[in-house]
């Protein structure tokens, strides 16, 4: 995957089952990739561990859209966990993590304020 990087943004340069590479740093656990700012660990190890606080943390970036990468397979979080995003009128899309990485880069190249919450289960 080739990611065109706009200065000051966080393009995903590489992704796979073992994690992602952003700005030359490899992340092998669940991660939050905002369009700008720090890429940080997302404190969720398994899909079953997701709670409302995980999605509220993504809302704090004030994005137009949150992309949730649910791991190797497409899994939808319970709607109740998304309340913080819904209340702020932040768009939300769920897809497997590989698709979320690709979609994130497309939206980033369009200048969109997007945040990816990518689940990598261990």
Protein backbone atom coordinates (compact mmCIF):
# COMPACT_ATOMS: atom_id res chain seq x y z
CA UNK A 1 0.00 0.00 0.00
CA UNK A 2 1.42 3.36 -0.99
CA UNK A 3 0.20 6.26 1.11
CA UNK A 4 0.55 9.80 -0.14
CA UNK A 5 1.43 11.88 2.89
CA UNK A 6 0.31 15.47 3.26
CA UNK A 7 2.74 17.38 5.48
CA UNK A 8 1.67 17.25 9.13
CA UNK A 9 -0.76 14.32 8.71
CA UNK A 10 -0.55 10.67 9.73
CA UNK A 11 -0.75 8.47 6.65
CA UNK A 12 -0.70 4.70 7.14
CA UNK A 13 2.31 3.48 5.17
CA UNK A 14 1.79 -0.25 5.70
CA UNK A 15 -0.77 -2.52 7.31
CA UNK A 16 -1.16 -6.22 7.98
CA UNK A 17 -2.33 -8.71 10.57
CA UNK A 18 0.64 -7.73 12.72
CA UNK A 19 -0.25 -4.02 12.89
CA UNK A 20 0.40 -0.78 11.02
CA UNK A 21 3.26 1.55 10.21
CA UNK A 22 2.61 5.27 10.56
CA UNK A 23 5.29 7.93 10.10
CA UNK A 24 8.04 5.32 10.26
CA UNK A 25 6.84 3.74 13.51
CA UNK A 26 5.42 0.20 13.65
CA UNK A 27 2.41 -0.33 15.94
CA UNK A 28 1.61 -3.95 16.78
CA UNK A 29 -1.26 -3.47 19.21
CA UNK A 30 -4.58 -1.64 18.87
CA UNK A 31 -3.96 1.95 17.87
CA UNK A 32 -5.65 5.31 17.31
CA UNK A 33 -4.52 7.10 14.15
CA UNK A 34 -5.81 10.69 13.99
CA UNK A 35 -5.38 12.77 10.84
CA UNK A 36 -2.93 15.01 12.75
CA UNK A 37 -1.23 14.81 16.12
CA UNK A 38 0.07 11.84 18.02
CA UNK A 39 -0.64 8.27 17.01
CA UNK A 40 -1.32 6.44 20.28
CA UNK A 41 -2.03 3.01 21.65
CA UNK A 42 -5.73 2.23 21.99
CA UNK A 43 -6.20 0.39 25.26
CA UNK A 44 -8.35 -2.45 23.94
CA UNK A 45 -6.94 -5.95 23.47
CA UNK A 46 -10.02 -7.85 22.27
CA UNK A 47 -13.27 -7.03 20.51
CA UNK A 48 -15.19 -8.37 23.53
CA UNK A 49 -13.44 -5.77 25.73
CA UNK A 50 -14.78 -2.75 23.83
CA UNK A 51 -16.79 -0.30 25.92
CA UNK A 52 -18.25 3.19 25.55
CA UNK A 53 -15.06 4.81 26.89
CA UNK A 54 -13.08 3.47 23.92
CA UNK A 55 -15.34 5.30 21.48
CA UNK A 56 -15.58 8.40 23.69
CA UNK A 57 -11.78 8.62 23.44
CA UNK A 58 -12.08 8.73 19.64
CA UNK A 59 -14.72 11.48 19.87
CA UNK A 60 -12.23 13.67 21.75
CA UNK A 61 -10.34 14.22 18.48
CA UNK A 62 -13.43 15.97 17.09
CA UNK A 63 -13.23 14.27 13.69
CA UNK A 64 -15.77 14.38 10.88
CA UNK A 65 -15.64 10.60 10.75
CA UNK A 66 -14.40 7.69 12.87
CA UNK A 67 -13.32 4.52 11.08
CA UNK A 68 -13.40 1.46 13.31
CA UNK A 69 -11.17 -1.38 12.13
CA UNK A 70 -12.63 -4.43 13.84
CA UNK A 71 -9.66 -6.73 13.27
CA UNK A 72 -9.34 -9.51 10.70
CA UNK A 73 -13.10 -9.87 10.31
CA UNK A 74 -15.99 -7.44 10.08
CA UNK A 75 -17.70 -7.13 13.46
CA UNK A 76 -20.07 -4.38 14.55
CA UNK A 77 -19.91 -2.92 18.06
CA UNK A 78 -23.20 -2.62 19.93
CA UNK A 79 -24.91 0.68 19.08
CA UNK A 80 -25.00 1.72 22.74
CA UNK A 81 -21.21 2.02 22.78
CA UNK A 82 -21.38 4.74 20.12
CA UNK A 83 -23.47 7.24 22.07
CA UNK A 84 -20.61 9.76 22.46
CA UNK A 85 -20.14 9.82 18.68
CA UNK A 86 -23.85 10.02 17.91
CA UNK A 87 -24.41 12.87 20.37
CA UNK A 88 -21.62 14.88 18.71
CA UNK A 89 -22.89 14.04 15.21
CA UNK A 90 -19.61 12.34 14.31
CA UNK A 91 -19.89 9.88 11.44
CA UNK A 92 -18.95 6.27 12.15
CA UNK A 93 -18.06 3.38 9.85
CA UNK A 94 -17.09 -0.17 10.76
CA UNK A 95 -14.94 -2.37 8.53
CA UNK A 96 -12.17 -4.91 8.95
CA UNK A 97 -8.86 -3.28 9.88
CA UNK A 98 -7.27 -3.66 6.43
CA UNK A 99 -10.22 -1.90 4.76
CA UNK A 100 -10.21 0.77 7.48
CA UNK A 101 -6.53 1.50 6.77
CA UNK A 102 -7.15 1.87 3.03
CA UNK A 103 -10.24 4.02 3.54
CA UNK A 104 -8.45 6.18 6.12
CA UNK A 105 -5.69 7.00 3.61
CA UNK A 106 -8.19 7.88 0.87
CA UNK A 107 -10.08 10.22 3.19
CA UNK A 108 -6.84 11.71 4.48
CA UNK A 109 -5.70 12.44 0.91
CA UNK A 110 -8.99 14.32 0.42
CA UNK A 111 -8.15 16.53 3.39
CA UNK A 112 -10.80 15.01 5.66
CA UNK A 113 -10.58 15.09 9.45
CA UNK A 114 -10.70 11.38 10.10
CA UNK A 115 -9.66 9.14 13.00
CA UNK A 116 -9.05 5.40 12.73
CA UNK A 117 -9.47 3.17 15.77
CA UNK A 118 -7.76 -0.04 14.69
CA UNK A 119 -8.17 -3.25 16.67
CA UNK A 120 -5.28 -5.72 16.62
CA UNK A 121 -6.14 -8.59 18.92
CA UNK A 122 -3.38 -10.46 20.70
